[in-house]
Structures are given as C-alpha cells and as structure tokens.
Amino acid sequence: MTAVEPIAEVEAIVARARTAQAAFEAQGSQALYDRAAQAAAWAIMEPGRNRHLAELAVETTGLGNVPDKITKNHRKTLGLMRDIADAKTFGVIRDDADTGITEIARPIGVIGAVVPSTNPGATPANNIINALKCGNAIVVSPSPKGVPTCEVLLGYIHAEFDKLGLDRDLVQMIPGRGSKEKTQRLLEISDLIVVTGSQNNVKRAYTSGTPALAVGAGNVCVIVDETADLAAAAQKIAASKTFDNATSCSSENAIVVVDAIYDAFAAELAQAGGAMIADDARITERLWVKGHLNPRAIAQDAEVMIDALGLTGEVPADAQFIAVETKGIGPDAPLSGEKLSRVLSVYRARDFEDAVAITRRVQLHQGAGHSVGIHTSDDARPMTLANAIPTSRVIVNQAHTFATGGAFNNGMPFSLSMGCGSWGGNSIDENLHWKHFLQSTKIVREIPAREPTLDDIFGGYWDQVGK
C-alpha cells in the first residue's frame, strides 16, 4: 500500500460522514437526535454487550480489569444519558425578548475523535453519544490496542441504527491499526477534534488547524488533613486507586498526609489494603525500565503488579496497592508523576500549609490544571486549596476517580475527558460534555437603545482619581 492510499481512505470515510451528517441535519428533530443517542448508549449498556466489550478491552490492551470496565461502561453511559435527557439541541434553544436575540442550535458537522487504549469502549461511546445528541457525525481514531474493542462497539451501534433506519456512516472509525498519518489527516479535515489520551496527540490536535477540544495529563494529588475522617478517607482512596487497575487519569497518584495524623492514617490505609513501603528507590527502579513505565506493572491486578515490583512475600497477601513513602518532586523524582498503576506516592507534610505547598509543587511538575482532592472537615480549606493550586477541580471528601468525571452524588457532568484550562494547555477547563459538540446561529433584532452616559461608566473612577 502506498503512502497516499491510507490518506485517501481517511478522506473517503470523512466524505461519507459529511454526506450522512448533512441528511441527518436536514431531517433533524429533537426526537431523531435523542433516539440516535439512545441507540449508541444501549449498544454499550446492554449487559451482554457490555461484558463482551469489557472482556475484549482487557484481553487486547492488557490494561484494567473486567468487572470495573463493566461498571465504567454502564455508569459513565447511564450518567451521560441522565445529563443529556432534557438538553435541547435542536431548533430554537433561546428566545430572549430583552436582548432581541433568538438562538438556534446547529450541529458542528463531522467530529474527529482520538481515543485511548485505557478506555477503548467507554470513551468512544461517550463521544459518539454527545456527537449524535447534537446532530453530528463522528469518526473515531482508536489507539492500536483499542481497535478490536472499537470495532465491536461500532458493530453494536450499527445494529441499533439498523432498527431505526439511521445511516451507519454517522458513526465510523479509522480501520486497521491506524497510523500517525491517518490520524493526522483526520485531525486536519474534521470540523472539530476531540482528543483524549497521549499529550503528543493533544499537541498535534492543537496545531492541526482544526478547532480542537483536547485534555491535559492527570497526576492527581490528594491531601488528608488532621480534621479528616481517617477511616473513610482511606477507604475512598483505596477504592479509587484500585478501580480498573488505576487506568483513569483521575486515579490518585500521590497523597499528602499532615504529620499530626500520619501514623494513624497509615494504619487506616493498611486496613484498606495499602502496603506501605519506605524504600522509594527500590520501587522506582522496578516501576521504570529504561526510562519508561514497566509494562508488567501498568494497569495490572494487584498480585501481578506486586510481583513485577519484586514484593511478593514481602507485603501482605491481600495487599491491593503499594503506598510508597517519598519526598522528591520533579523530573528527577519519577514517583511524583503519573504512574498508571496501583502505586501511590505518600508525602508527609508538617501541617496543612505545608501540604498545600507540596501539592502545588506536584501539580506544577505534572498534572497542572487537572484536579486535586482533599479529605477534611474544615469547610474553609477547599477554598484555600482552590486559590493556591493551578487546578480546574478540587474534589472534597470523595473517591477521586469516581467523583472527577461525574457522579450521581455530585454535580459534575459525566465524562471521561477532563479539560485542564490554560494550566494544562487546554482550550476548556470543564469536563467535556454535550455543549462542546454544539454551536448556534443567532437571529439579532433591533431593541430600544441602551446607551450609557460617560458619567454612568466613569463616575466612580472620576470620584476616586479625578477627571
């Protein structure tokens, strides 16, 4: 196959998507867009399909575990469907007599979505549902390891489309194992790009010349202060850290524990399945091989990861994750960065002020703009943290992985892609959600003039400094 043929293949796919989208929009209605979104959602949520997708994802990527992927596929999709149930994405969405503006919802066109191997079912499904809800077509570019899962997911979606008479070309993927050239061409000729995954792909998206929604790297750091419910905090951190073998960008990578309760919290962490290790150099040596994370440890079950770290027989047989005491932060301290494994770095802080300073250093090293957390009973401290850290989210007294991307007991939109604002080099600081897949046309009518006088605007300024 020549170098031209793969590019032509991508161009043909996008052309078919444009044709399908134009017809979808021409025949559009809220009911049609809603049904299309429901079809894509049921494709991944139907229990038998969900299990098969989860099993296939683990088998082909070697990342995560089946029960948690089943939970993720179900809850993330169910939560998204709750979020968009009453969202108006067709026709007039605002009619304001005071401003004389009528706003009409319009699709963006063809969405190009680059998705990671960590969530090869849930992430593309999330993007596909959002795109269809807003009248778009979408072309997905999965990571090489995620191709089999994405192929099966699209097969399920197309089967649901057939029941409704929807054009299969509304949802397509770049076939085969993909390539940088194919992905690059998709980035260049789509109407909007959505990128979740490697920071290399994020940079390519933002320099492609196409409007892009790309998200930053995670490296979650969570404070446990002296006012926290220690048992509850330990249980939440353990549940979050181990979920789907730490594949989530919202998984805790470090905790900062205030000295006054350090030993007590370490005991609670042990009760929750955390094996504390003091020799951080030994863990670093095993977790990184030739400068890269050890594939034998990344996103693996506890016993596999523990064996890869050479800790079998040295930690409790029921240990679920490794908590490594460490001090270093920065490029020369790999444990201060994202680990994509059941390894949690533990920092000891003198007091809350020191804990904030440590968290800030960790975030400035890696993960700026993503999210931090705190376990506390002091209502003022989350505000202190929010003002001190370059972050888009401060998660309070919650299991971070479950809370950041939307939960049924908090107000965050359900998503698998977290915008990190300018701190993380992103165009958004929100969870990626349906509004990002929609644009609008405004009808502007004349209204009675509302022109202020100079005194209205500058009166207070002149009073203070003179005219």
Foldseek 3Di string as FASTA:
>chain_A
DDPVVLLVVLVVLLVLQQVQLVVCQVPDDLVQLLLLLVLLLCLCLVQVNVQVLLVLLCVLLVFFHRVLSSVLSHFLSVLQCVVCVPPDQAAWPDQDPVQQKTKGWDFLEEEEEEDESLNLQRAVSQVLSLQSSNRYAYEYEYALSSQVSNVSSLVSSVVSCVVVVRDSSSYYYSDDNDDPSSSLSSLQPGQEYEYEDDVVVVVSNVPSPHHYFYAFAAAEEEEEAPAFPLLLVLLLLLCLLCRRFQSASQRHLEYEYEPVCVVVSVVSNVVNQEWEDAPLVLQVPQQDDPRHGDPQFANHFQVSNCVSSVCVPVTDPRHGAYEYEDDDAAPVRPSLGDRNGRYYYYYYANHLVRRLVVSQRSCLRGRFQDEYEYGHPDPCVQVVSVVRHRYLYYHYSGNRNQPRQDHPPDDARHARGAHRPVRRPGPDRHGDGSVVRIDIDMDGDDDPDDDDDPCVVCVVVCVVPND
